[in-house]
Every structure is written in structure tokens, then in C-alpha cells.
């Protein structure tokens, strides 16, 4: 009998990459759209889990956005992510689902922690103020999973902490997008309009680690397959980072944009560096395989195709 998976966030970037993974046909996946199941309604979530009785829950849903969105709506980012997370986790526990995979975020790590960021550094210092609400919610849900497993070892509720993600099905809308889709959108807009320059927020020296979302999907598949050996908390990343300027330059090369870049020093930049340690993942036997250029090309191709569909 195939394993039954209840996946939240199936219509988001992580969920859709998971659902199009080449190995997904080996599982029975339940991925209700938000119109079918309101994750902010605990009774509805509980009823859904009871009706379908999954073997494992993967909680990948969330209210996500870049610096601008997080600063504009901190209440929404805190409460919706916390409420969705606790509803899914507590509903699974109440029905007796013994296995759960929760997706955290590298935003959970302190802003001034030494890099690379190891899993035991969570709650060891002050969070980055520009996305503190989102980070707090992710910390609370991860700790809830840990507490449930501590109280009753039969419940294996584990958390994966991905680095920054980008890829197919990303959100390229400027007011809500993260850095990589924002870069792709800005450079393509400049190329299409014939603009000779693109503005970068901050001085461009802040460093970030970005992983193609298809690689996280692959890690999720492997986590389901080898769940028992999976660490209780594990980073998922590429193990190297680059400056914001570097991401702009590489994206421009992939897209074929030859203009120059300027810096707006009045804009916030967030943490100066955020690189997760991949040691635990490598010891477990997994590593990302998509190069930055390959990932940007796939994300850009998706963006261009999606833009054509919107125009039509």
C-alpha cells in the first residue's frame, strides 16, 4: 500500500515543486487548496485529518514575502504562520498521526550568530527585526513539534530548516516577492523597457544562500522515504553563499541584460549574512545538486512563460 501524505501549501512554490517531483507517483498525496481547507480553522483541519487519516503530514504552507511585505504586515506574518502551524501540528497529534515534517526557515536563526548557522543556534540570540514576526512564528511551531515528541516519543515530529529558496512557481509580484524573484523581475523589466540601469537595495555586499526549490522537494521525498533516520531538526541548503551584487550579476548574465547597477543606500538589507550549515544533512546522506545558473535559468523560463499566459 502506498504511503498517504497530507501536504499543506500544495499550491505554493515548495508544494508545487514537491508535487511535480519525478518520484511523487509512488505516494498518495492529499494537497487541498486553500479554498478547500482553511488552515486557520482548527476544527476544519482536525476534521480533514480525521477523515483522511494520513500516514505522514508535511506542513509546507505559510504566509511568505520579502523584507517589504514583512515590515508592512508583521501582525499578519506572525499570527497566520503561527496559527496555521499549530493547527496542523495539534490536529495531527489529536488524531494520532505519528509522523510529521514541519518546514521552518533560516530566519529562525539570530541575526548576529556566527556563520555557518548550526541547528542548535535557534533561540541563542536576537532575531532580525525586518522579519521578526515570521521568524517568531516559525520558532514557535518548531518548538511545538519538539515538545510533542519529547512528551511522547511515539510521535516523531521533525523540522527541516531550508535556506532561502527560489525557483519555478515563485512569487514574482514586486510587493510580495523575495530577493531572487525580485531580481529576475527587475532585470527582465529593465531589459524589456530598454532601461540602462537597475537599482539594488542597500550596498549589495550582504550575503545570502539560495537553493532551487526543486532541491528542497527532493530532500522532502528522501525525508519521507527515510523518515526514521532523519534528524529531529536539520538544515537544508547548498552550503555556500554569495553577495547580493553577485546574484544580480549572475541573473543579468543568464537573462542577457547588459545595463549597469546602482545602489539605494536608504533601503533596508536585513541580515548581513545567512549561511546554514549543511553538515548534518551531508552526514545523513543528502545534498543539493542544482547549480545557481541552472536554477536561475529554470526560474526565469517559468517567469517568462507565466508572464505570457497572464498577457494572453
C-alpha atoms as a PDB file:
ATOM      1  CA  UNK A   1       0.000   0.000   0.000  1.00  0.00           C
ATOM      2  CA  UNK A   2       1.308   3.440  -0.934  1.00  0.00           C
ATOM      3  CA  UNK A   3       2.082   5.913   1.836  1.00  0.00           C
ATOM      4  CA  UNK A   4      -0.586   8.591   2.228  1.00  0.00           C
ATOM      5  CA  UNK A   5       0.786  12.118   2.649  1.00  0.00           C
ATOM      6  CA  UNK A   6      -1.195  15.151   3.789  1.00  0.00           C
ATOM      7  CA  UNK A   7       0.625  18.145   2.300  1.00  0.00           C
ATOM      8  CA  UNK A   8      -0.237  21.704   3.287  1.00  0.00           C
ATOM      9  CA  UNK A   9       0.761  24.508   0.946  1.00  0.00           C
ATOM     10  CA  UNK A  10       0.321  22.379  -2.152  1.00  0.00           C
ATOM     11  CA  UNK A  11      -0.369  25.438  -4.303  1.00  0.00           C
ATOM     12  CA  UNK A  12       2.757  27.298  -3.128  1.00  0.00           C
ATOM     13  CA  UNK A  13       6.252  27.148  -4.563  1.00  0.00           C
ATOM     14  CA  UNK A  14       7.509  24.381  -2.268  1.00  0.00           C
ATOM     15  CA  UNK A  15       4.329  22.352  -2.560  1.00  0.00           C
ATOM     16  CA  UNK A  16       4.129  22.548  -6.350  1.00  0.00           C
ATOM     17  CA  UNK A  17       7.772  21.588  -6.764  1.00  0.00           C
ATOM     18  CA  UNK A  18       7.136  18.636  -4.453  1.00  0.00           C
ATOM     19  CA  UNK A  19       4.065  17.581  -6.435  1.00  0.00           C
ATOM     20  CA  UNK A  20       5.965  17.622  -9.749  1.00  0.00           C
ATOM     21  CA  UNK A  21       8.927  15.595  -8.418  1.00  0.00           C
ATOM     22  CA  UNK A  22       9.660  12.553 -10.556  1.00  0.00           C
ATOM     23  CA  UNK A  23       9.084  10.186  -7.599  1.00  0.00           C
ATOM     24  CA  UNK A  24       5.742  11.618  -6.476  1.00  0.00           C
ATOM     25  CA  UNK A  25       3.738   8.879  -8.239  1.00  0.00           C
ATOM     26  CA  UNK A  26       4.939   6.465  -5.574  1.00  0.00           C
ATOM     27  CA  UNK A  27       2.830   8.217  -2.939  1.00  0.00           C
ATOM     28  CA  UNK A  28      -0.822   9.024  -2.364  1.00  0.00           C
ATOM     29  CA  UNK A  29      -0.725  12.789  -1.785  1.00  0.00           C
ATOM     30  CA  UNK A  30      -3.581  14.849  -0.358  1.00  0.00           C
ATOM     31  CA  UNK A  31      -2.945  18.535  -1.095  1.00  0.00           C
ATOM     32  CA  UNK A  32      -6.160  20.524  -0.581  1.00  0.00           C
ATOM     33  CA  UNK A  33      -6.266  24.058  -1.970  1.00  0.00           C
ATOM     34  CA  UNK A  34      -6.899  26.894   0.485  1.00  0.00           C
ATOM     35  CA  UNK A  35     -10.442  27.114  -0.929  1.00  0.00           C
ATOM     36  CA  UNK A  36     -10.984  23.503   0.152  1.00  0.00           C
ATOM     37  CA  UNK A  37      -9.369  23.697   3.586  1.00  0.00           C
ATOM     38  CA  UNK A  38      -8.805  26.787   5.719  1.00  0.00           C
ATOM     39  CA  UNK A  39      -5.691  26.076   7.770  1.00  0.00           C
ATOM     40  CA  UNK A  40      -6.608  28.949  10.115  1.00  0.00           C
ATOM     41  CA  UNK A  41      -9.679  26.939  11.234  1.00  0.00           C
ATOM     42  CA  UNK A  42      -8.572  24.300  13.760  1.00  0.00           C
ATOM     43  CA  UNK A  43     -11.844  22.398  13.674  1.00  0.00           C
ATOM     44  CA  UNK A  44     -11.746  22.180   9.886  1.00  0.00           C
ATOM     45  CA  UNK A  45      -8.138  20.961   9.893  1.00  0.00           C
ATOM     46  CA  UNK A  46      -8.903  18.368  12.555  1.00  0.00           C
ATOM     47  CA  UNK A  47     -11.932  17.101  10.627  1.00  0.00           C
ATOM     48  CA  UNK A  48      -9.870  16.831   7.432  1.00  0.00           C
ATOM     49  CA  UNK A  49      -7.068  14.875   9.114  1.00  0.00           C
ATOM     50  CA  UNK A  50      -9.588  12.583  10.806  1.00  0.00           C
ATOM     51  CA  UNK A  51     -11.422  11.917   7.532  1.00  0.00           C
ATOM     52  CA  UNK A  52      -8.281  11.071   5.540  1.00  0.00           C
ATOM     53  CA  UNK A  53      -6.029   9.575   8.263  1.00  0.00           C
ATOM     54  CA  UNK A  54      -2.656  10.208   6.569  1.00  0.00           C
ATOM     55  CA  UNK A  55       0.494   8.251   7.344  1.00  0.00           C
ATOM     56  CA  UNK A  56       2.532  11.448   7.470  1.00  0.00           C
ATOM     57  CA  UNK A  57       1.894  15.208   7.423  1.00  0.00           C
ATOM     58  CA  UNK A  58       4.152  17.665   5.598  1.00  0.00           C
ATOM     59  CA  UNK A  59       3.473  21.234   6.705  1.00  0.00           C
ATOM     60  CA  UNK A  60       4.753  23.485   3.911  1.00  0.00           C
ATOM     61  CA  UNK A  61       2.055  26.189   3.963  1.00  0.00           C
ATOM     62  CA  UNK A  62       2.778  29.695   5.121  1.00  0.00           C
ATOM     63  CA  UNK A  63       2.340  33.408   4.682  1.00  0.00           C
ATOM     64  CA  UNK A  64       5.575  34.382   2.935  1.00  0.00           C
ATOM     65  CA  UNK A  65       7.108  37.526   1.457  1.00  0.00           C
ATOM     66  CA  UNK A  66      10.232  39.632   1.250  1.00  0.00           C
ATOM     67  CA  UNK A  67      11.516  42.402   3.511  1.00  0.00           C
ATOM     68  CA  UNK A  68       8.972  44.946   2.277  1.00  0.00           C
ATOM     69  CA  UNK A  69       5.993  42.673   2.965  1.00  0.00           C
ATOM     70  CA  UNK A  70       7.300  41.532   6.352  1.00  0.00           C
ATOM     71  CA  UNK A  71       7.871  45.106   7.507  1.00  0.00           C
ATOM     72  CA  UNK A  72       4.477  46.234   6.210  1.00  0.00           C
ATOM     73  CA  UNK A  73       2.405  43.421   7.793  1.00  0.00           C
ATOM     74  CA  UNK A  74       4.228  41.995  10.837  1.00  0.00           C
ATOM     75  CA  UNK A  75       0.977  41.075  12.637  1.00  0.00           C
ATOM     76  CA  UNK A  76      -0.242  39.020   9.688  1.00  0.00           C
ATOM     77  CA  UNK A  77       3.095  37.251   9.226  1.00  0.00           C
ATOM     78  CA  UNK A  78       3.279  36.384  12.927  1.00  0.00           C
ATOM     79  CA  UNK A  79      -0.294  35.297  13.555  1.00  0.00           C
ATOM     80  CA  UNK A  80      -1.132  33.496  10.320  1.00  0.00           C
ATOM     81  CA  UNK A  81       2.059  31.442  10.312  1.00  0.00           C
ATOM     82  CA  UNK A  82       1.742  30.602  13.984  1.00  0.00           C
ATOM     83  CA  UNK A  83      -1.948  29.722  13.727  1.00  0.00           C
ATOM     84  CA  UNK A  84      -1.527  27.579  10.609  1.00  0.00           C
ATOM     85  CA  UNK A  85       1.402  25.750  12.127  1.00  0.00           C
ATOM     86  CA  UNK A  86      -0.152  24.982  15.480  1.00  0.00           C
ATOM     87  CA  UNK A  87      -3.474  24.000  13.890  1.00  0.00           C
ATOM     88  CA  UNK A  88      -1.812  21.460  11.597  1.00  0.00           C
ATOM     89  CA  UNK A  89       0.524  20.081  14.256  1.00  0.00           C
ATOM     90  CA  UNK A  90      -2.085  19.829  17.017  1.00  0.00           C
ATOM     91  CA  UNK A  91      -4.702  18.378  14.662  1.00  0.00           C
ATOM     92  CA  UNK A  92      -2.245  15.666  13.609  1.00  0.00           C
ATOM     93  CA  UNK A  93      -1.455  14.859  17.231  1.00  0.00           C
ATOM     94  CA  UNK A  94      -5.122  14.791  18.240  1.00  0.00           C
ATOM     95  CA  UNK A  95      -5.909  12.225  15.521  1.00  0.00           C
ATOM     96  CA  UNK A  96      -2.856  10.124  16.309  1.00  0.00           C
ATOM     97  CA  UNK A  97      -0.701  10.787  13.235  1.00  0.00           C
ATOM     98  CA  UNK A  98       2.744   9.686  14.391  1.00  0.00           C
ATOM     99  CA  UNK A  99       4.907  11.261  11.672  1.00  0.00           C
ATOM    100  CA  UNK A 100       5.090  14.940  10.740  1.00  0.00           C
ATOM    101  CA  UNK A 101       7.549  17.055   8.758  1.00  0.00           C
ATOM    102  CA  UNK A 102       7.456  20.764   9.555  1.00  0.00           C
ATOM    103  CA  UNK A 103       9.203  23.328   7.357  1.00  0.00           C
ATOM    104  CA  UNK A 104      10.967  26.036   9.300  1.00  0.00           C
ATOM    105  CA  UNK A 105      13.081  28.872   7.921  1.00  0.00           C
ATOM    106  CA  UNK A 106      16.634  30.134   8.270  1.00  0.00           C
ATOM    107  CA  UNK A 107      15.001  33.340   9.561  1.00  0.00           C
ATOM    108  CA  UNK A 108      14.723  31.408  12.835  1.00  0.00           C
ATOM    109  CA  UNK A 109      18.431  31.987  13.476  1.00  0.00           C
ATOM    110  CA  UNK A 110      19.756  35.009  15.419  1.00  0.00           C
ATOM    111  CA  UNK A 111      20.832  37.976  13.338  1.00  0.00           C
ATOM    112  CA  UNK A 112      24.349  38.084  14.798  1.00  0.00           C
ATOM    113  CA  UNK A 113      25.045  34.354  15.070  1.00  0.00           C
ATOM    114  CA  UNK A 114      28.336  33.182  13.538  1.00  0.00           C
ATOM    115  CA  UNK A 115      28.054  31.555  10.129  1.00  0.00           C
ATOM    116  CA  UNK A 116      27.516  28.839   9.093  1.00  0.00           C
ATOM    117  CA  UNK A 117      24.361  28.539  11.179  1.00  0.00           C
ATOM    118  CA  UNK A 118      24.072  25.260  13.092  1.00  0.00           C
ATOM    119  CA  UNK A 119      20.753  23.770  14.183  1.00  0.00           C
ATOM    120  CA  UNK A 120      21.464  24.278  17.894  1.00  0.00           C
ATOM    121  CA  UNK A 121      21.751  28.069  17.443  1.00  0.00           C
ATOM    122  CA  UNK A 122      17.966  28.649  17.286  1.00  0.00           C
ATOM    123  CA  UNK A 123      16.890  30.948  20.166  1.00  0.00           C
ATOM    124  CA  UNK A 124      20.503  31.729  21.045  1.00  0.00           C
ATOM    125  CA  UNK A 125      20.184  35.443  20.257  1.00  0.00           C
ATOM    126  CA  UNK A 126      18.154  38.367  18.891  1.00  0.00           C
ATOM    127  CA  UNK A 127      16.202  37.820  15.687  1.00  0.00           C
ATOM    128  CA  UNK A 128      16.461  40.020  12.581  1.00  0.00           C
ATOM    129  CA  UNK A 129      13.937  42.877  13.143  1.00  0.00           C
ATOM    130  CA  UNK A 130      12.833  43.139   9.495  1.00  0.00           C
ATOM    131  CA  UNK A 131      11.194  39.683   9.577  1.00  0.00           C
ATOM    132  CA  UNK A 132      10.892  39.050  13.296  1.00  0.00           C
ATOM    133  CA  UNK A 133       7.169  38.206  13.228  1.00  0.00           C
ATOM    134  CA  UNK A 134       7.612  35.488  10.615  1.00  0.00           C
ATOM    135  CA  UNK A 135      10.675  34.127  12.405  1.00  0.00           C
ATOM    136  CA  UNK A 136       8.924  34.000  15.788  1.00  0.00           C
ATOM    137  CA  UNK A 137       6.056  32.015  14.297  1.00  0.00           C
ATOM    138  CA  UNK A 138       8.462  29.530  12.733  1.00  0.00           C
ATOM    139  CA  UNK A 139      10.336  29.124  16.021  1.00  0.00           C
ATOM    140  CA  UNK A 140       7.120  28.512  17.958  1.00  0.00           C
ATOM    141  CA  UNK A 141       5.907  25.791  15.574  1.00  0.00           C
ATOM    142  CA  UNK A 142       9.309  24.086  15.510  1.00  0.00           C
ATOM    143  CA  UNK A 143       9.429  24.078  19.308  1.00  0.00           C
ATOM    144  CA  UNK A 144       5.866  22.742  19.452  1.00  0.00           C
ATOM    145  CA  UNK A 145       6.958  19.795  17.305  1.00  0.00           C
ATOM    146  CA  UNK A 146       9.927  19.216  19.592  1.00  0.00           C
ATOM    147  CA  UNK A 147       7.789  19.363  22.749  1.00  0.00           C
ATOM    148  CA  UNK A 148       5.244  16.879  21.381  1.00  0.00           C
ATOM    149  CA  UNK A 149       7.991  14.390  20.555  1.00  0.00           C
ATOM    150  CA  UNK A 150       9.587  14.960  23.951  1.00  0.00           C
ATOM    151  CA  UNK A 151       6.338  14.306  25.816  1.00  0.00           C
ATOM    152  CA  UNK A 152       5.530  11.192  23.792  1.00  0.00           C
ATOM    153  CA  UNK A 153       8.406   9.598  21.819  1.00  0.00           C
ATOM    154  CA  UNK A 154       5.894   7.687  19.676  1.00  0.00           C
ATOM    155  CA  UNK A 155       5.242  10.987  17.902  1.00  0.00           C
ATOM    156  CA  UNK A 156       8.110  11.805  15.543  1.00  0.00           C
ATOM    157  CA  UNK A 157       7.507  15.447  14.675  1.00  0.00           C
ATOM    158  CA  UNK A 158      10.573  16.796  12.880  1.00  0.00           C
ATOM    159  CA  UNK A 159      11.606  20.139  11.377  1.00  0.00           C
ATOM    160  CA  UNK A 160      13.581  20.903   8.244  1.00  0.00           C
ATOM    161  CA  UNK A 161      15.119  24.397   8.099  1.00  0.00           C
ATOM    162  CA  UNK A 162      15.639  25.444   4.460  1.00  0.00           C
ATOM    163  CA  UNK A 163      17.834  28.328   3.424  1.00  0.00           C
ATOM    164  CA  UNK A 164      16.356  30.971   1.110  1.00  0.00           C
ATOM    165  CA  UNK A 165      14.502  29.407  -1.812  1.00  0.00           C
ATOM    166  CA  UNK A 166      13.695  30.372  -5.391  1.00  0.00           C
ATOM    167  CA  UNK A 167      12.508  28.582  -8.496  1.00  0.00           C
ATOM    168  CA  UNK A 168       9.504  27.527 -10.524  1.00  0.00           C
ATOM    169  CA  UNK A 169       6.156  28.733  -9.127  1.00  0.00           C
ATOM    170  CA  UNK A 170       7.854  31.530  -7.197  1.00  0.00           C
ATOM    171  CA  UNK A 171       6.009  34.779  -6.463  1.00  0.00           C
ATOM    172  CA  UNK A 172       7.390  37.465  -8.783  1.00  0.00           C
ATOM    173  CA  UNK A 173       4.960  40.217  -7.717  1.00  0.00           C
ATOM    174  CA  UNK A 174       7.258  43.074  -6.552  1.00  0.00           C
ATOM    175  CA  UNK A 175       5.414  43.974  -3.324  1.00  0.00           C
ATOM    176  CA  UNK A 176       5.485  40.384  -2.015  1.00  0.00           C
ATOM    177  CA  UNK A 177       8.472  38.691  -3.649  1.00  0.00           C
ATOM    178  CA  UNK A 178      11.702  37.525  -2.067  1.00  0.00           C
ATOM    179  CA  UNK A 179      15.114  38.608  -3.333  1.00  0.00           C
ATOM    180  CA  UNK A 180      15.690  36.193  -6.220  1.00  0.00           C
ATOM    181  CA  UNK A 181      12.289  36.534  -7.936  1.00  0.00           C
ATOM    182  CA  UNK A 182      12.533  40.288  -7.362  1.00  0.00           C
ATOM    183  CA  UNK A 183      15.916  40.331  -9.107  1.00  0.00           C
ATOM    184  CA  UNK A 184      14.585  38.301 -12.042  1.00  0.00           C
ATOM    185  CA  UNK A 185      11.565  40.602 -12.389  1.00  0.00           C
ATOM    186  CA  UNK A 186      13.581  43.827 -12.149  1.00  0.00           C
ATOM    187  CA  UNK A 187      16.214  42.765 -14.639  1.00  0.00           C
ATOM    188  CA  UNK A 188      13.689  41.416 -17.141  1.00  0.00           C
ATOM    189  CA  UNK A 189      11.657  44.630 -16.843  1.00  0.00           C
ATOM    190  CA  UNK A 190      14.803  46.680 -17.450  1.00  0.00           C
ATOM    191  CA  UNK A 191      15.736  44.551 -20.452  1.00  0.00           C
ATOM    192  CA  UNK A 192      12.244  44.748 -21.932  1.00  0.00           C
ATOM    193  CA  UNK A 193      11.953  48.519 -21.423  1.00  0.00           C
ATOM    194  CA  UNK A 194      15.479  49.260 -22.606  1.00  0.00           C
ATOM    195  CA  UNK A 195      16.478  50.765 -19.260  1.00  0.00           C
ATOM    196  CA  UNK A 196      20.230  51.239 -18.867  1.00  0.00           C
ATOM    197  CA  UNK A 197      20.334  50.626 -15.106  1.00  0.00           C
ATOM    198  CA  UNK A 198      18.795  48.594 -12.280  1.00  0.00           C
ATOM    199  CA  UNK A 199      18.683  49.741  -8.650  1.00  0.00           C
ATOM    200  CA  UNK A 200      19.843  47.402  -5.880  1.00  0.00           C
ATOM    201  CA  UNK A 201      18.580  47.858  -2.331  1.00  0.00           C
ATOM    202  CA  UNK A 202      21.474  48.595   0.059  1.00  0.00           C
ATOM    203  CA  UNK A 203      25.165  48.426  -0.784  1.00  0.00           C
ATOM    204  CA  UNK A 204      24.983  44.945  -2.313  1.00  0.00           C
ATOM    205  CA  UNK A 205      27.559  43.329  -0.005  1.00  0.00           C
ATOM    206  CA  UNK A 206      25.094  41.418   2.216  1.00  0.00           C
ATOM    207  CA  UNK A 207      25.490  37.711   1.604  1.00  0.00           C
ATOM    208  CA  UNK A 208      22.713  35.164   1.070  1.00  0.00           C
ATOM    209  CA  UNK A 209      22.383  31.445   0.401  1.00  0.00           C
ATOM    210  CA  UNK A 210      19.784  30.452  -2.208  1.00  0.00           C
ATOM    211  CA  UNK A 211      18.646  26.946  -3.092  1.00  0.00           C
ATOM    212  CA  UNK A 212      16.494  25.902  -6.018  1.00  0.00           C
ATOM    213  CA  UNK A 213      13.081  24.785  -4.732  1.00  0.00           C
ATOM    214  CA  UNK A 214      13.283  21.555  -6.696  1.00  0.00           C
ATOM    215  CA  UNK A 215      16.196  20.529  -4.484  1.00  0.00           C
ATOM    216  CA  UNK A 216      14.098  21.048  -1.348  1.00  0.00           C
ATOM    217  CA  UNK A 217      11.391  18.909  -2.962  1.00  0.00           C
ATOM    218  CA  UNK A 218      13.990  16.198  -3.472  1.00  0.00           C
ATOM    219  CA  UNK A 219      15.007  16.437   0.192  1.00  0.00           C
ATOM    220  CA  UNK A 220      11.354  16.132   1.221  1.00  0.00           C
ATOM    221  CA  UNK A 221      10.941  12.986  -0.867  1.00  0.00           C
ATOM    222  CA  UNK A 222      14.049  11.497   0.692  1.00  0.00           C
ATOM    223  CA  UNK A 223      12.870  12.554   4.167  1.00  0.00           C
ATOM    224  CA  UNK A 224       9.602  10.685   3.699  1.00  0.00           C
ATOM    225  CA  UNK A 225      11.422   7.616   2.416  1.00  0.00           C
ATOM    226  CA  UNK A 226      13.984   7.583   5.237  1.00  0.00           C
ATOM    227  CA  UNK A 227      11.950   9.286   7.917  1.00  0.00           C
ATOM    228  CA  UNK A 228      13.126   7.161  10.833  1.00  0.00           C
ATOM    229  CA  UNK A 229      16.795   8.069  10.281  1.00  0.00           C
ATOM    230  CA  UNK A 230      16.080  11.769   9.610  1.00  0.00           C
ATOM    231  CA  UNK A 231      17.458  14.065  12.355  1.00  0.00           C
ATOM    232  CA  UNK A 232      14.814  15.776  14.503  1.00  0.00           C
ATOM    233  CA  UNK A 233      15.984  19.184  13.221  1.00  0.00           C
ATOM    234  CA  UNK A 234      18.026  19.567  10.041  1.00  0.00           C
ATOM    235  CA  UNK A 235      19.131  22.438   7.829  1.00  0.00           C
ATOM    236  CA  UNK A 236      18.596  22.098   4.088  1.00  0.00           C
ATOM    237  CA  UNK A 237      20.865  24.274   1.979  1.00  0.00           C
ATOM    238  CA  UNK A 238      23.626  24.396  -0.614  1.00  0.00           C
ATOM    239  CA  UNK A 239      26.481  25.110   1.772  1.00  0.00           C
ATOM    240  CA  UNK A 240      27.738  28.284   0.087  1.00  0.00           C
ATOM    241  CA  UNK A 241      26.572  31.864  -0.304  1.00  0.00           C
ATOM    242  CA  UNK A 242      27.143  34.924  -2.483  1.00  0.00           C
ATOM    243  CA  UNK A 243      26.684  38.679  -2.219  1.00  0.00           C
ATOM    244  CA  UNK A 244      23.501  40.404  -3.352  1.00  0.00           C
ATOM    245  CA  UNK A 245      25.593  42.085  -6.071  1.00  0.00           C
ATOM    246  CA  UNK A 246      26.725  38.655  -7.260  1.00  0.00           C
ATOM    247  CA  UNK A 247      23.128  37.430  -7.567  1.00  0.00           C
ATOM    248  CA  UNK A 248      22.242  40.480  -9.659  1.00  0.00           C
ATOM    249  CA  UNK A 249      25.257  39.996 -11.917  1.00  0.00           C
ATOM    250  CA  UNK A 250      24.681  36.266 -12.407  1.00  0.00           C
ATOM    251  CA  UNK A 251      20.976  36.794 -13.135  1.00  0.00           C
ATOM    252  CA  UNK A 252      21.818  39.546 -15.638  1.00  0.00           C
ATOM    253  CA  UNK A 253      24.203  37.168 -17.427  1.00  0.00           C
ATOM    254  CA  UNK A 254      21.566  34.415 -17.582  1.00  0.00           C
ATOM    255  CA  UNK A 255      18.886  36.803 -18.874  1.00  0.00           C
ATOM    256  CA  UNK A 256      21.206  38.679 -21.203  1.00  0.00           C
ATOM    257  CA  UNK A 257      20.975  42.160 -19.676  1.00  0.00           C
ATOM    258  CA  UNK A 258      23.927  44.475 -20.228  1.00  0.00           C
ATOM    259  CA  UNK A 259      22.984  47.536 -18.166  1.00  0.00           C
ATOM    260  CA  UNK A 260      24.655  48.839 -15.022  1.00  0.00           C
ATOM    261  CA  UNK A 261      23.667  48.607 -11.368  1.00  0.00           C
ATOM    262  CA  UNK A 262      23.236  51.396  -8.826  1.00  0.00           C
ATOM    263  CA  UNK A 263      22.652  51.155  -5.071  1.00  0.00           C
ATOM    264  CA  UNK A 264      19.912  52.763  -2.974  1.00  0.00           C
ATOM    265  CA  UNK A 265      21.511  53.055   0.465  1.00  0.00           C
ATOM    266  CA  UNK A 266      18.253  54.240   2.066  1.00  0.00           C
ATOM    267  CA  UNK A 267      16.661  50.797   1.702  1.00  0.00           C
ATOM    268  CA  UNK A 268      16.849  48.008   4.347  1.00  0.00           C
ATOM    269  CA  UNK A 269      19.011  44.961   3.640  1.00  0.00           C
ATOM    270  CA  UNK A 270      18.215  42.606   6.542  1.00  0.00           C
ATOM    271  CA  UNK A 271      20.891  40.316   7.963  1.00  0.00           C
ATOM    272  CA  UNK A 272      24.398  40.860   6.594  1.00  0.00           C
ATOM    273  CA  UNK A 273      24.940  37.126   6.172  1.00  0.00           C
ATOM    274  CA  UNK A 274      22.811  33.999   6.458  1.00  0.00           C
ATOM    275  CA  UNK A 275      24.506  30.719   5.554  1.00  0.00           C
ATOM    276  CA  UNK A 276      23.235  27.464   7.063  1.00  0.00           C
ATOM    277  CA  UNK A 277      25.471  24.564   7.968  1.00  0.00           C
ATOM    278  CA  UNK A 278      24.824  21.522   5.764  1.00  0.00           C
ATOM    279  CA  UNK A 279      26.999  19.181   7.810  1.00  0.00           C
ATOM    280  CA  UNK A 280      24.081  17.336   9.401  1.00  0.00           C
ATOM    281  CA  UNK A 281      22.345  16.869   6.040  1.00  0.00           C
ATOM    282  CA  UNK A 282      25.519  15.601   4.397  1.00  0.00           C
ATOM    283  CA  UNK A 283      26.106  13.148   7.243  1.00  0.00           C
ATOM    284  CA  UNK A 284      22.520  11.948   6.751  1.00  0.00           C
ATOM    285  CA  UNK A 285      23.310  11.441   3.064  1.00  0.00           C
ATOM    286  CA  UNK A 286      21.687  14.302   1.140  1.00  0.00           C
ATOM    287  CA  UNK A 287      22.964  17.363  -0.729  1.00  0.00           C
ATOM    288  CA  UNK A 288      21.564  19.860  -3.226  1.00  0.00           C
ATOM    289  CA  UNK A 289      22.526  19.294  -6.861  1.00  0.00           C
ATOM    290  CA  UNK A 290      21.164  22.262  -8.862  1.00  0.00           C
ATOM    291  CA  UNK A 291      23.747  24.930  -9.712  1.00  0.00           C
ATOM    292  CA  UNK A 292      22.877  28.604  -9.307  1.00  0.00           C
ATOM    293  CA  UNK A 293      22.911  29.280 -13.055  1.00  0.00           C
ATOM    294  CA  UNK A 294      20.790  26.231 -13.797  1.00  0.00           C
ATOM    295  CA  UNK A 295      18.302  27.202 -11.103  1.00  0.00           C
ATOM    296  CA  UNK A 296      18.079  30.813 -12.290  1.00  0.00           C
ATOM    297  CA  UNK A 297      17.519  29.627 -15.856  1.00  0.00           C
ATOM    298  CA  UNK A 298      14.652  27.343 -14.775  1.00  0.00           C
ATOM    299  CA  UNK A 299      13.098  30.091 -12.637  1.00  0.00           C
ATOM    300  CA  UNK A 300      13.479  32.645 -15.441  1.00  0.00           C
ATOM    301  CA  UNK A 301      11.947  30.333 -18.036  1.00  0.00           C
ATOM    302  CA  UNK A 302       8.974  29.786 -15.741  1.00  0.00           C
ATOM    303  CA  UNK A 303       8.643  33.551 -15.161  1.00  0.00           C
ATOM    304  CA  UNK A 304       8.648  34.288 -18.889  1.00  0.00           C
ATOM    305  CA  UNK A 305       6.073  31.590 -19.624  1.00  0.00           C
ATOM    306  CA  UNK A 306       3.833  32.686 -16.738  1.00  0.00           C
ATOM    307  CA  UNK A 307       4.045  36.305 -17.937  1.00  0.00           C
ATOM    308  CA  UNK A 308       2.940  35.264 -21.435  1.00  0.00           C
ATOM    309  CA  UNK A 309      -0.026  33.389 -20.003  1.00  0.00           C
ATOM    310  CA  UNK A 310      -1.058  36.436 -17.957  1.00  0.00           C
ATOM    311  CA  UNK A 311      -0.864  38.679 -21.026  1.00  0.00           C
ATOM    312  CA  UNK A 312      -2.990  36.288 -23.069  1.00  0.00           C
END
